[in-house]
Amino acid sequence: MKQVININFQGRVVPIEVSAFELLKSYTDSLARYFANEDGKDEIINDIESRIGELFQERLKKGATCITDEDVNAIIRSMGRPEDFE
């Protein structure tokens, strides 16, 4: 059994497993580090986070009770990690 918390992500309340939240936090932190010196970094990160929020909502609308590690990992694979951006 995994602990589930509710977070506010891009203006949406998202039920998410604690371990999935940690994965998400690590990913968003890596994005912030990668884009730290880019012009418009806040807009870039906001756009990526908005897309993640949309994907979370799609998952929840399909009947998922919460966002899992598997969901977050699938999104990361689909969007790519900062080290893949080169």
C-alpha atoms as a PDB file:
ATOM      1  CA  MET A   1       0.000   0.000   0.000  1.00  0.00           C
ATOM      2  CA  LYS A   2       1.344   3.411  -0.968  1.00  0.00           C
ATOM      3  CA  GLN A   3       0.592   6.740   0.633  1.00  0.00           C
ATOM      4  CA  VAL A   4      -1.312   9.215  -1.571  1.00  0.00           C
ATOM      5  CA  ILE A   5      -1.253  12.998  -1.218  1.00  0.00           C
ATOM      6  CA  ASN A   6      -3.091  15.772  -3.039  1.00  0.00           C
ATOM      7  CA  ILE A   7      -0.956  18.411  -4.715  1.00  0.00           C
ATOM      8  CA  ASN A   8      -1.796  21.561  -6.634  1.00  0.00           C
ATOM      9  CA  PHE A   9       0.008  21.186  -9.942  1.00  0.00           C
ATOM     10  CA  GLN A  10      -0.477  23.933 -12.502  1.00  0.00           C
ATOM     11  CA  GLY A  11      -3.753  24.972 -10.884  1.00  0.00           C
ATOM     12  CA  ARG A  12      -5.130  21.438 -10.761  1.00  0.00           C
ATOM     13  CA  VAL A  13      -5.618  19.293  -7.677  1.00  0.00           C
ATOM     14  CA  VAL A  14      -3.846  16.014  -8.373  1.00  0.00           C
ATOM     15  CA  PRO A  15      -3.934  12.923  -6.151  1.00  0.00           C
ATOM     16  CA  ILE A  16      -0.481  11.379  -6.440  1.00  0.00           C
ATOM     17  CA  GLU A  17       1.503   8.675  -4.680  1.00  0.00           C
ATOM     18  CA  VAL A  18       4.244  10.111  -2.468  1.00  0.00           C
ATOM     19  CA  SER A  19       6.913   8.190  -4.405  1.00  0.00           C
ATOM     20  CA  ALA A  20       5.501   9.479  -7.720  1.00  0.00           C
ATOM     21  CA  PHE A  21       5.566  13.023  -6.333  1.00  0.00           C
ATOM     22  CA  GLU A  22       9.252  12.577  -5.485  1.00  0.00           C
ATOM     23  CA  LEU A  23       9.943  11.417  -9.065  1.00  0.00           C
ATOM     24  CA  LEU A  24       8.012  14.401 -10.420  1.00  0.00           C
ATOM     25  CA  LYS A  25       9.858  16.816  -8.129  1.00  0.00           C
ATOM     26  CA  SER A  26      13.207  15.392  -9.178  1.00  0.00           C
ATOM     27  CA  TYR A  27      12.233  15.744 -12.853  1.00  0.00           C
ATOM     28  CA  THR A  28      11.009  19.338 -12.531  1.00  0.00           C
ATOM     29  CA  ASP A  29      14.138  20.235 -10.535  1.00  0.00           C
ATOM     30  CA  SER A  30      16.315  18.758 -13.322  1.00  0.00           C
ATOM     31  CA  LEU A  31      14.408  20.859 -15.866  1.00  0.00           C
ATOM     32  CA  ALA A  32      15.007  23.993 -13.785  1.00  0.00           C
ATOM     33  CA  ARG A  33      18.735  23.233 -13.630  1.00  0.00           C
ATOM     34  CA  TYR A  34      18.926  22.495 -17.368  1.00  0.00           C
ATOM     35  CA  PHE A  35      17.137  25.682 -18.431  1.00  0.00           C
ATOM     36  CA  ALA A  36      18.680  27.897 -15.718  1.00  0.00           C
ATOM     37  CA  ASN A  37      20.684  29.986 -18.191  1.00  0.00           C
ATOM     38  CA  GLU A  38      18.137  30.092 -21.014  1.00  0.00           C
ATOM     39  CA  ASP A  39      16.211  33.212 -21.942  1.00  0.00           C
ATOM     40  CA  GLY A  40      12.553  32.587 -21.148  1.00  0.00           C
ATOM     41  CA  LYS A  41      13.359  29.664 -18.854  1.00  0.00           C
ATOM     42  CA  ASP A  42      10.281  30.282 -16.693  1.00  0.00           C
ATOM     43  CA  GLU A  43       8.003  30.140 -19.734  1.00  0.00           C
ATOM     44  CA  ILE A  44       9.682  26.970 -21.025  1.00  0.00           C
ATOM     45  CA  ILE A  45       9.341  25.206 -17.679  1.00  0.00           C
ATOM     46  CA  ASN A  46       5.768  26.445 -17.261  1.00  0.00           C
ATOM     47  CA  ASP A  47       4.852  25.049 -20.705  1.00  0.00           C
ATOM     48  CA  ILE A  48       6.355  21.659 -19.864  1.00  0.00           C
ATOM     49  CA  GLU A  49       4.620  21.558 -16.484  1.00  0.00           C
ATOM     50  CA  SER A  50       1.314  22.556 -18.100  1.00  0.00           C
ATOM     51  CA  ARG A  51       1.603  19.622 -20.491  1.00  0.00           C
ATOM     52  CA  ILE A  52       2.383  17.278 -17.606  1.00  0.00           C
ATOM     53  CA  GLY A  53      -0.700  18.613 -15.796  1.00  0.00           C
ATOM     54  CA  GLU A  54      -2.829  17.924 -18.887  1.00  0.00           C
ATOM     55  CA  LEU A  55      -1.501  14.368 -19.084  1.00  0.00           C
ATOM     56  CA  PHE A  56      -2.276  13.842 -15.398  1.00  0.00           C
ATOM     57  CA  GLN A  57      -5.842  15.050 -15.937  1.00  0.00           C
ATOM     58  CA  GLU A  58      -6.284  12.706 -18.907  1.00  0.00           C
ATOM     59  CA  ARG A  59      -5.135   9.799 -16.763  1.00  0.00           C
ATOM     60  CA  LEU A  60      -7.508  10.715 -13.931  1.00  0.00           C
ATOM     61  CA  LYS A  61     -10.449  11.205 -16.327  1.00  0.00           C
ATOM     62  CA  LYS A  62      -9.885   7.658 -17.581  1.00  0.00           C
ATOM     63  CA  GLY A  63     -10.632   6.408 -14.072  1.00  0.00           C
ATOM     64  CA  ALA A  64      -7.264   6.305 -12.322  1.00  0.00           C
ATOM     65  CA  THR A  65      -7.633   7.001  -8.611  1.00  0.00           C
ATOM     66  CA  CYS A  66      -4.219   8.663  -8.419  1.00  0.00           C
ATOM     67  CA  ILE A  67      -1.020   9.291 -10.348  1.00  0.00           C
ATOM     68  CA  THR A  68       1.482   6.481  -9.855  1.00  0.00           C
ATOM     69  CA  ASP A  69       5.235   6.026 -10.315  1.00  0.00           C
ATOM     70  CA  GLU A  70       4.441   4.291 -13.603  1.00  0.00           C
ATOM     71  CA  ASP A  71       2.449   7.314 -14.816  1.00  0.00           C
ATOM     72  CA  VAL A  72       5.244   9.761 -13.993  1.00  0.00           C
ATOM     73  CA  ASN A  73       7.903   7.536 -15.547  1.00  0.00           C
ATOM     74  CA  ALA A  74       5.820   7.184 -18.739  1.00  0.00           C
ATOM     75  CA  ILE A  75       5.526  10.975 -18.986  1.00  0.00           C
ATOM     76  CA  ILE A  76       9.259  11.421 -18.432  1.00  0.00           C
ATOM     77  CA  ARG A  77      10.030   8.830 -21.122  1.00  0.00           C
ATOM     78  CA  SER A  78       7.646  10.541 -23.526  1.00  0.00           C
ATOM     79  CA  MET A  79       8.873  14.101 -22.873  1.00  0.00           C
ATOM     80  CA  GLY A  80      12.529  13.219 -22.411  1.00  0.00           C
ATOM     81  CA  ARG A  81      15.028  13.958 -19.690  1.00  0.00           C
ATOM     82  CA  PRO A  82      17.174  17.094 -19.875  1.00  0.00           C
ATOM     83  CA  GLU A  83      20.256  15.005 -20.687  1.00  0.00           C
ATOM     84  CA  ASP A  84      18.361  13.737 -23.784  1.00  0.00           C
ATOM     85  CA  PHE A  85      17.696  17.261 -25.074  1.00  0.00           C
ATOM     86  CA  GLU A  86      21.122  17.716 -26.642  1.00  0.00           C
END
